[in-house]
Amino acid sequence: MDKAFRVDDQTALTILNQPLREEGLFLGLSSGINIGGALRQAIEGGTGQTIVTILCDSGHKYQSKRYNRKWLAEDGLDPDLPLESIFQA
């Protein structure tokens, strides 16, 4: 491991919606955090990098919260936030 990043829950939630929509990948929050860190490294490091991360969990254990809009709202999370609002290159 070369570097670590902190990725908040909103960022991870927003990131997880894209692979679910576009690839049908039903991933958990830990995978969203890993993708978020990989994306930040890609943005900060520029071109010519090889970045590897692990998609380490499925969304199965998150179903009662990740897809519960009331619970998300109570936690201050917006499931519809566009990915572009999270990362600006």
N, C-alpha and C. Protein backbone atom coordinates (compact mmCIF):
# COMPACT_ATOMS: atom_id res chain seq x y z
N MET A 1 0.84 -1.16 0.00
CA MET A 1 0.00 0.00 0.00
C MET A 1 0.90 1.24 0.00
N ASP A 2 0.61 2.14 -0.91
CA ASP A 2 1.40 3.36 -1.03
C ASP A 2 0.77 4.54 -0.31
N LYS A 3 -0.53 4.57 -0.21
CA LYS A 3 -1.21 5.75 0.32
C LYS A 3 -2.60 5.34 0.79
N ALA A 4 -3.13 6.09 1.75
CA ALA A 4 -4.49 5.86 2.22
C ALA A 4 -5.28 7.16 2.13
N PHE A 5 -6.57 7.05 1.86
CA PHE A 5 -7.46 8.19 1.78
C PHE A 5 -8.66 7.95 2.69
N ARG A 6 -9.19 9.00 3.24
CA ARG A 6 -10.47 8.91 3.96
C ARG A 6 -11.58 9.19 2.95
N VAL A 7 -12.57 8.34 2.96
CA VAL A 7 -13.72 8.50 2.07
C VAL A 7 -14.96 8.45 2.94
N ASP A 8 -15.76 9.50 2.90
CA ASP A 8 -16.95 9.56 3.76
C ASP A 8 -18.08 8.70 3.18
N ASP A 9 -19.10 8.48 4.01
CA ASP A 9 -20.22 7.63 3.62
C ASP A 9 -20.97 8.15 2.39
N GLN A 10 -21.17 9.48 2.30
CA GLN A 10 -21.88 10.04 1.15
C GLN A 10 -21.12 9.76 -0.14
N THR A 11 -19.81 9.94 -0.11
CA THR A 11 -19.00 9.67 -1.29
C THR A 11 -19.10 8.21 -1.70
N ALA A 12 -18.96 7.32 -0.72
CA ALA A 12 -19.04 5.88 -1.01
C ALA A 12 -20.41 5.51 -1.56
N LEU A 13 -21.47 6.05 -0.97
CA LEU A 13 -22.84 5.77 -1.44
C LEU A 13 -23.02 6.24 -2.88
N THR A 14 -22.56 7.45 -3.15
CA THR A 14 -22.68 8.01 -4.50
C THR A 14 -21.90 7.17 -5.51
N ILE A 15 -20.71 6.77 -5.14
CA ILE A 15 -19.86 5.96 -6.02
C ILE A 15 -20.52 4.61 -6.30
N LEU A 16 -21.14 4.01 -5.32
CA LEU A 16 -21.74 2.68 -5.50
C LEU A 16 -22.91 2.66 -6.48
N ASN A 17 -23.55 3.78 -6.66
CA ASN A 17 -24.70 3.81 -7.58
C ASN A 17 -24.29 3.63 -9.03
N GLN A 18 -23.12 4.10 -9.42
CA GLN A 18 -22.71 3.98 -10.82
C GLN A 18 -22.45 2.53 -11.24
N PRO A 19 -21.62 1.75 -10.52
CA PRO A 19 -21.44 0.36 -10.96
C PRO A 19 -22.72 -0.47 -10.86
N LEU A 20 -23.61 -0.09 -9.93
CA LEU A 20 -24.89 -0.80 -9.86
C LEU A 20 -25.72 -0.53 -11.10
N ARG A 21 -25.82 0.75 -11.48
CA ARG A 21 -26.62 1.14 -12.66
C ARG A 21 -26.00 0.64 -13.95
N GLU A 22 -24.71 0.84 -14.12
CA GLU A 22 -24.07 0.60 -15.41
C GLU A 22 -23.57 -0.83 -15.61
N GLU A 23 -23.20 -1.51 -14.53
CA GLU A 23 -22.61 -2.84 -14.66
C GLU A 23 -23.38 -3.92 -13.90
N GLY A 24 -24.38 -3.52 -13.12
CA GLY A 24 -25.12 -4.49 -12.33
C GLY A 24 -24.31 -5.05 -11.17
N LEU A 25 -23.28 -4.32 -10.72
CA LEU A 25 -22.46 -4.77 -9.59
C LEU A 25 -23.10 -4.31 -8.29
N PHE A 26 -23.50 -5.25 -7.48
CA PHE A 26 -24.19 -5.01 -6.22
C PHE A 26 -23.15 -5.04 -5.10
N LEU A 27 -22.53 -3.89 -4.87
CA LEU A 27 -21.38 -3.81 -3.97
C LEU A 27 -21.76 -3.18 -2.64
N GLY A 28 -20.96 -3.49 -1.62
CA GLY A 28 -21.16 -2.92 -0.29
C GLY A 28 -20.36 -1.64 -0.09
N LEU A 29 -20.57 -1.03 1.06
CA LEU A 29 -19.96 0.25 1.37
C LEU A 29 -18.43 0.18 1.40
N SER A 30 -17.85 -0.91 1.86
CA SER A 30 -16.40 -1.04 1.86
C SER A 30 -15.83 -1.00 0.45
N SER A 31 -16.54 -1.60 -0.49
CA SER A 31 -16.11 -1.53 -1.89
C SER A 31 -16.21 -0.10 -2.41
N GLY A 32 -17.25 0.62 -2.01
CA GLY A 32 -17.39 2.02 -2.42
C GLY A 32 -16.26 2.88 -1.88
N ILE A 33 -15.86 2.60 -0.65
CA ILE A 33 -14.74 3.33 -0.05
C ILE A 33 -13.45 3.02 -0.82
N ASN A 34 -13.24 1.77 -1.18
CA ASN A 34 -12.04 1.39 -1.95
C ASN A 34 -12.03 2.05 -3.33
N ILE A 35 -13.17 2.08 -4.00
CA ILE A 35 -13.25 2.74 -5.30
C ILE A 35 -12.98 4.23 -5.14
N GLY A 36 -13.55 4.83 -4.09
CA GLY A 36 -13.32 6.25 -3.83
C GLY A 36 -11.85 6.58 -3.66
N GLY A 37 -11.14 5.75 -2.91
CA GLY A 37 -9.70 5.95 -2.74
C GLY A 37 -8.94 5.79 -4.05
N ALA A 38 -9.33 4.81 -4.84
CA ALA A 38 -8.67 4.60 -6.14
C ALA A 38 -8.93 5.78 -7.08
N LEU A 39 -10.14 6.31 -7.07
CA LEU A 39 -10.46 7.47 -7.91
C LEU A 39 -9.67 8.70 -7.47
N ARG A 40 -9.56 8.91 -6.16
CA ARG A 40 -8.78 10.06 -5.67
C ARG A 40 -7.32 9.93 -6.07
N GLN A 41 -6.76 8.72 -5.99
CA GLN A 41 -5.38 8.51 -6.41
C GLN A 41 -5.23 8.79 -7.90
N ALA A 42 -6.19 8.36 -8.69
CA ALA A 42 -6.15 8.60 -10.14
C ALA A 42 -6.17 10.09 -10.44
N ILE A 43 -7.01 10.82 -9.74
CA ILE A 43 -7.11 12.27 -9.97
C ILE A 43 -5.84 12.97 -9.52
N GLU A 44 -5.35 12.64 -8.33
CA GLU A 44 -4.17 13.31 -7.79
C GLU A 44 -2.88 12.92 -8.52
N GLY A 45 -2.80 11.68 -8.96
CA GLY A 45 -1.56 11.19 -9.56
C GLY A 45 -1.44 11.44 -11.06
N GLY A 46 -2.55 11.75 -11.71
CA GLY A 46 -2.50 12.02 -13.14
C GLY A 46 -2.37 10.76 -13.98
N THR A 47 -1.99 10.96 -15.23
CA THR A 47 -1.93 9.85 -16.19
C THR A 47 -0.71 8.96 -15.96
N GLY A 48 -0.75 7.77 -16.55
CA GLY A 48 0.39 6.86 -16.52
C GLY A 48 0.47 5.97 -15.30
N GLN A 49 -0.58 5.91 -14.49
CA GLN A 49 -0.58 5.09 -13.28
C GLN A 49 -1.27 3.76 -13.53
N THR A 50 -0.90 2.78 -12.74
CA THR A 50 -1.67 1.55 -12.64
C THR A 50 -2.19 1.51 -11.21
N ILE A 51 -3.50 1.53 -11.06
CA ILE A 51 -4.12 1.56 -9.74
C ILE A 51 -4.94 0.29 -9.56
N VAL A 52 -4.75 -0.35 -8.44
CA VAL A 52 -5.45 -1.60 -8.14
C VAL A 52 -6.19 -1.43 -6.82
N THR A 53 -7.43 -1.90 -6.78
CA THR A 53 -8.19 -1.94 -5.53
C THR A 53 -8.97 -3.24 -5.50
N ILE A 54 -9.56 -3.52 -4.36
CA ILE A 54 -10.31 -4.76 -4.18
C ILE A 54 -11.77 -4.41 -3.90
N LEU A 55 -12.67 -5.05 -4.62
CA LEU A 55 -14.10 -4.91 -4.36
C LEU A 55 -14.44 -6.03 -3.38
N CYS A 56 -14.40 -5.68 -2.09
CA CYS A 56 -14.31 -6.68 -1.03
C CYS A 56 -15.63 -7.14 -0.42
N ASP A 57 -16.73 -6.53 -0.81
CA ASP A 57 -17.99 -6.97 -0.22
C ASP A 57 -19.16 -6.73 -1.18
N SER A 58 -20.23 -7.44 -0.90
CA SER A 58 -21.44 -7.25 -1.72
C SER A 58 -22.39 -6.34 -0.97
N GLY A 59 -23.44 -5.92 -1.63
CA GLY A 59 -24.43 -5.05 -1.02
C GLY A 59 -25.47 -5.79 -0.20
N HIS A 60 -25.35 -7.11 -0.13
CA HIS A 60 -26.37 -7.92 0.53
C HIS A 60 -26.66 -7.47 1.97
N LYS A 61 -25.63 -7.27 2.77
CA LYS A 61 -25.86 -6.94 4.18
C LYS A 61 -26.29 -5.48 4.39
N TYR A 62 -26.28 -4.68 3.31
CA TYR A 62 -26.65 -3.27 3.41
C TYR A 62 -28.06 -2.99 2.91
N GLN A 63 -28.78 -4.00 2.51
CA GLN A 63 -30.08 -3.78 1.88
C GLN A 63 -31.07 -3.01 2.75
N SER A 64 -31.09 -3.26 4.04
CA SER A 64 -32.09 -2.60 4.90
C SER A 64 -31.79 -1.13 5.12
N LYS A 65 -30.56 -0.69 4.84
CA LYS A 65 -30.21 0.71 5.03
C LYS A 65 -29.90 1.42 3.72
N ARG A 66 -29.09 0.83 2.88
CA ARG A 66 -28.66 1.48 1.64
C ARG A 66 -29.84 1.79 0.72
N TYR A 67 -30.88 1.00 0.77
CA TYR A 67 -32.04 1.21 -0.10
C TYR A 67 -33.25 1.73 0.67
N ASN A 68 -33.04 2.14 1.91
CA ASN A 68 -34.10 2.69 2.74
C ASN A 68 -33.94 4.20 2.75
N ARG A 69 -34.72 4.90 1.94
CA ARG A 69 -34.57 6.35 1.79
C ARG A 69 -34.79 7.10 3.11
N LYS A 70 -35.68 6.61 3.93
CA LYS A 70 -35.92 7.26 5.22
C LYS A 70 -34.67 7.18 6.09
N TRP A 71 -34.08 6.01 6.18
CA TRP A 71 -32.86 5.84 6.98
C TRP A 71 -31.73 6.70 6.43
N LEU A 72 -31.57 6.73 5.11
CA LEU A 72 -30.53 7.56 4.50
C LEU A 72 -30.74 9.03 4.82
N ALA A 73 -31.98 9.50 4.71
CA ALA A 73 -32.29 10.91 4.99
C ALA A 73 -31.99 11.25 6.45
N GLU A 74 -32.35 10.35 7.35
CA GLU A 74 -32.08 10.57 8.77
C GLU A 74 -30.58 10.66 9.05
N ASP A 75 -29.79 9.99 8.22
CA ASP A 75 -28.34 10.01 8.37
C ASP A 75 -27.69 11.12 7.53
N GLY A 76 -28.54 11.92 6.86
CA GLY A 76 -28.03 13.03 6.06
C GLY A 76 -27.40 12.61 4.75
N LEU A 77 -27.79 11.45 4.23
CA LEU A 77 -27.23 10.92 2.98
C LEU A 77 -28.23 11.05 1.84
N ASP A 78 -27.74 11.42 0.67
CA ASP A 78 -28.58 11.60 -0.51
C ASP A 78 -28.24 10.51 -1.53
N PRO A 79 -29.13 9.54 -1.74
CA PRO A 79 -28.85 8.45 -2.66
C PRO A 79 -28.84 8.88 -4.13
N ASP A 80 -29.33 10.08 -4.42
CA ASP A 80 -29.44 10.53 -5.81
C ASP A 80 -28.37 11.54 -6.19
N LEU A 81 -27.41 11.78 -5.35
CA LEU A 81 -26.35 12.74 -5.65
C LEU A 81 -25.55 12.24 -6.85
N PRO A 82 -25.36 13.08 -7.88
CA PRO A 82 -24.63 12.63 -9.07
C PRO A 82 -23.13 12.47 -8.78
N LEU A 83 -22.52 11.51 -9.43
CA LEU A 83 -21.10 11.21 -9.24
C LEU A 83 -20.24 12.43 -9.53
N GLU A 84 -20.63 13.23 -10.50
CA GLU A 84 -19.86 14.40 -10.88
C GLU A 84 -19.72 15.39 -9.73
N SER A 85 -20.65 15.38 -8.80
CA SER A 85 -20.59 16.31 -7.67
C SER A 85 -19.56 15.89 -6.62
N ILE A 86 -19.11 14.66 -6.69
CA ILE A 86 -18.17 14.15 -5.70
C ILE A 86 -16.72 14.43 -6.10
N PHE A 87 -16.37 14.11 -7.33
CA PHE A 87 -15.00 14.25 -7.79
C PHE A 87 -14.90 15.25 -8.92
N GLN A 88 -14.12 16.25 -8.72
CA GLN A 88 -13.83 17.23 -9.76
C GLN A 88 -12.36 17.08 -10.13
N ALA A 89 -12.07 16.72 -11.36
CA ALA A 89 -10.68 16.54 -11.80
C ALA A 89 -10.00 17.88 -11.97
